[in-house]
């Protein structure tokens, strides 16, 4: 995989502390997001929901 911004090929996967949840379910726990980040320029190459079934 190459970065679209800088053509770098060093990436890391990271997460944050806020889960993604459905708008209509305010009390839902939701699911963690996993970011793939270029280590050369910081561009976020992708965001993936770890457990999409928790959004149903």
N, C-alpha and C. Protein backbone atom coordinates (compact mmCIF):
# COMPACT_ATOMS: atom_id res chain seq x y z
N UNK A 1 0.85 -1.18 0.00
CA UNK A 1 0.00 0.00 0.00
C UNK A 1 0.90 1.24 0.00
N UNK A 2 0.57 2.20 -0.83
CA UNK A 2 1.29 3.47 -0.86
C UNK A 2 0.35 4.60 -0.47
N UNK A 3 0.88 5.58 0.24
CA UNK A 3 0.10 6.74 0.66
C UNK A 3 -0.26 7.59 -0.55
N UNK A 4 -1.51 8.03 -0.63
CA UNK A 4 -1.96 8.88 -1.74
C UNK A 4 -1.37 10.28 -1.66
N UNK A 5 -0.96 10.71 -0.47
CA UNK A 5 -0.44 12.07 -0.32
C UNK A 5 1.06 12.18 -0.57
N UNK A 6 1.83 11.19 -0.04
CA UNK A 6 3.29 11.33 -0.11
C UNK A 6 3.99 10.14 -0.75
N UNK A 7 3.22 9.12 -1.16
CA UNK A 7 3.76 7.89 -1.74
C UNK A 7 4.55 7.04 -0.74
N UNK A 8 4.47 7.39 0.55
CA UNK A 8 5.14 6.59 1.57
C UNK A 8 4.51 5.21 1.69
N UNK A 9 5.24 4.28 2.30
CA UNK A 9 4.70 2.92 2.45
C UNK A 9 4.83 2.39 3.88
N UNK A 10 5.00 3.29 4.85
CA UNK A 10 5.05 2.90 6.25
C UNK A 10 3.75 3.32 6.93
N UNK A 11 3.01 2.34 7.44
CA UNK A 11 1.71 2.61 8.04
C UNK A 11 1.63 1.99 9.43
N UNK A 12 0.74 2.53 10.24
CA UNK A 12 0.44 1.97 11.55
C UNK A 12 -1.07 1.99 11.72
N UNK A 13 -1.58 1.04 12.50
CA UNK A 13 -3.00 1.06 12.82
C UNK A 13 -3.17 1.66 14.21
N UNK A 14 -4.17 2.52 14.35
CA UNK A 14 -4.41 3.22 15.61
C UNK A 14 -5.91 3.32 15.85
N UNK A 15 -6.29 3.69 17.06
CA UNK A 15 -7.69 3.87 17.42
C UNK A 15 -7.81 5.11 18.30
N UNK A 16 -9.05 5.51 18.57
CA UNK A 16 -9.27 6.58 19.53
C UNK A 16 -10.24 6.08 20.59
N UNK A 17 -10.58 6.90 21.53
CA UNK A 17 -11.38 6.45 22.66
C UNK A 17 -12.89 6.61 22.46
N UNK A 18 -13.31 7.16 21.34
CA UNK A 18 -14.74 7.38 21.10
C UNK A 18 -15.26 6.34 20.11
N UNK A 19 -16.22 5.53 20.54
CA UNK A 19 -16.82 4.53 19.66
C UNK A 19 -17.81 5.16 18.70
N UNK A 20 -17.97 4.53 17.55
CA UNK A 20 -18.97 4.93 16.57
C UNK A 20 -20.27 4.23 16.93
N UNK A 21 -21.37 4.97 16.93
CA UNK A 21 -22.67 4.39 17.28
C UNK A 21 -23.74 4.96 16.36
N UNK A 22 -24.86 4.25 16.22
CA UNK A 22 -25.96 4.74 15.39
C UNK A 22 -26.55 6.03 15.98
N UNK A 23 -26.96 6.96 15.13
CA UNK A 23 -27.54 8.22 15.59
C UNK A 23 -28.81 8.02 16.38
N UNK A 24 -29.59 7.02 16.03
CA UNK A 24 -30.88 6.82 16.69
C UNK A 24 -30.80 5.96 17.95
N UNK A 25 -29.59 5.56 18.34
CA UNK A 25 -29.41 4.73 19.55
C UNK A 25 -28.37 5.38 20.46
N UNK A 26 -28.80 6.39 21.18
CA UNK A 26 -27.88 7.18 21.99
C UNK A 26 -27.21 6.40 23.11
N UNK A 27 -27.82 5.32 23.57
CA UNK A 27 -27.25 4.53 24.66
C UNK A 27 -26.44 3.32 24.16
N UNK A 28 -26.34 3.15 22.85
CA UNK A 28 -25.60 2.02 22.31
C UNK A 28 -24.11 2.16 22.61
N UNK A 29 -23.46 1.03 22.82
CA UNK A 29 -22.01 1.03 23.06
C UNK A 29 -21.28 1.31 21.75
N UNK A 30 -21.76 0.78 20.65
CA UNK A 30 -21.15 1.01 19.36
C UNK A 30 -19.90 0.17 19.15
N UNK A 31 -19.06 0.62 18.23
CA UNK A 31 -17.87 -0.13 17.86
C UNK A 31 -16.66 0.78 17.74
N UNK A 32 -15.54 0.20 18.06
CA UNK A 32 -14.25 0.88 17.93
C UNK A 32 -13.94 1.14 16.45
N UNK A 33 -13.24 2.24 16.18
CA UNK A 33 -12.78 2.55 14.83
C UNK A 33 -11.28 2.25 14.75
N UNK A 34 -10.83 1.70 13.63
CA UNK A 34 -9.42 1.43 13.43
C UNK A 34 -8.95 2.30 12.26
N UNK A 35 -7.97 3.14 12.53
CA UNK A 35 -7.41 4.04 11.53
C UNK A 35 -6.10 3.45 11.01
N UNK A 36 -5.89 3.53 9.70
CA UNK A 36 -4.60 3.20 9.12
C UNK A 36 -3.95 4.52 8.74
N UNK A 37 -2.80 4.83 9.37
CA UNK A 37 -2.17 6.15 9.27
C UNK A 37 -0.78 6.02 8.66
N UNK A 38 -0.47 6.88 7.69
CA UNK A 38 0.86 6.93 7.10
C UNK A 38 1.84 7.51 8.13
N UNK A 39 2.92 6.80 8.38
CA UNK A 39 3.92 7.26 9.34
C UNK A 39 4.81 8.36 8.78
N UNK A 40 4.81 8.54 7.46
CA UNK A 40 5.65 9.56 6.85
C UNK A 40 5.01 10.94 6.88
N UNK A 41 3.68 11.01 6.63
CA UNK A 41 3.05 12.34 6.55
C UNK A 41 1.82 12.49 7.45
N UNK A 42 1.33 11.39 8.05
CA UNK A 42 0.18 11.47 8.93
C UNK A 42 -1.16 11.35 8.25
N UNK A 43 -1.18 11.16 6.96
CA UNK A 43 -2.44 10.99 6.22
C UNK A 43 -3.18 9.74 6.72
N UNK A 44 -4.49 9.86 6.94
CA UNK A 44 -5.30 8.70 7.31
C UNK A 44 -5.70 8.00 6.02
N UNK A 45 -5.17 6.81 5.81
CA UNK A 45 -5.42 6.07 4.57
C UNK A 45 -6.76 5.37 4.59
N UNK A 46 -7.20 4.92 5.79
CA UNK A 46 -8.51 4.28 5.88
C UNK A 46 -9.02 4.33 7.31
N UNK A 47 -10.34 4.23 7.43
CA UNK A 47 -11.01 4.12 8.71
C UNK A 47 -11.94 2.91 8.59
N UNK A 48 -11.79 1.97 9.51
CA UNK A 48 -12.61 0.76 9.47
C UNK A 48 -13.30 0.58 10.81
N UNK A 49 -14.56 0.15 10.78
CA UNK A 49 -15.30 -0.16 11.99
C UNK A 49 -14.94 -1.59 12.38
N UNK A 50 -14.45 -1.75 13.61
CA UNK A 50 -13.96 -3.06 14.05
C UNK A 50 -15.07 -4.11 14.14
N UNK A 51 -16.22 -3.73 14.67
CA UNK A 51 -17.35 -4.66 14.84
C UNK A 51 -18.62 -4.05 14.27
N UNK A 52 -18.80 -4.09 12.94
CA UNK A 52 -19.96 -3.43 12.33
C UNK A 52 -21.30 -3.98 12.82
N UNK A 53 -21.33 -5.22 13.30
CA UNK A 53 -22.59 -5.79 13.79
C UNK A 53 -23.11 -5.04 15.02
N UNK A 54 -22.25 -4.33 15.73
CA UNK A 54 -22.68 -3.56 16.90
C UNK A 54 -23.41 -2.27 16.52
N UNK A 55 -23.47 -1.96 15.23
CA UNK A 55 -24.17 -0.76 14.77
C UNK A 55 -25.62 -1.06 14.39
N UNK A 56 -26.00 -2.31 14.42
CA UNK A 56 -27.37 -2.70 14.03
C UNK A 56 -28.35 -2.45 15.13
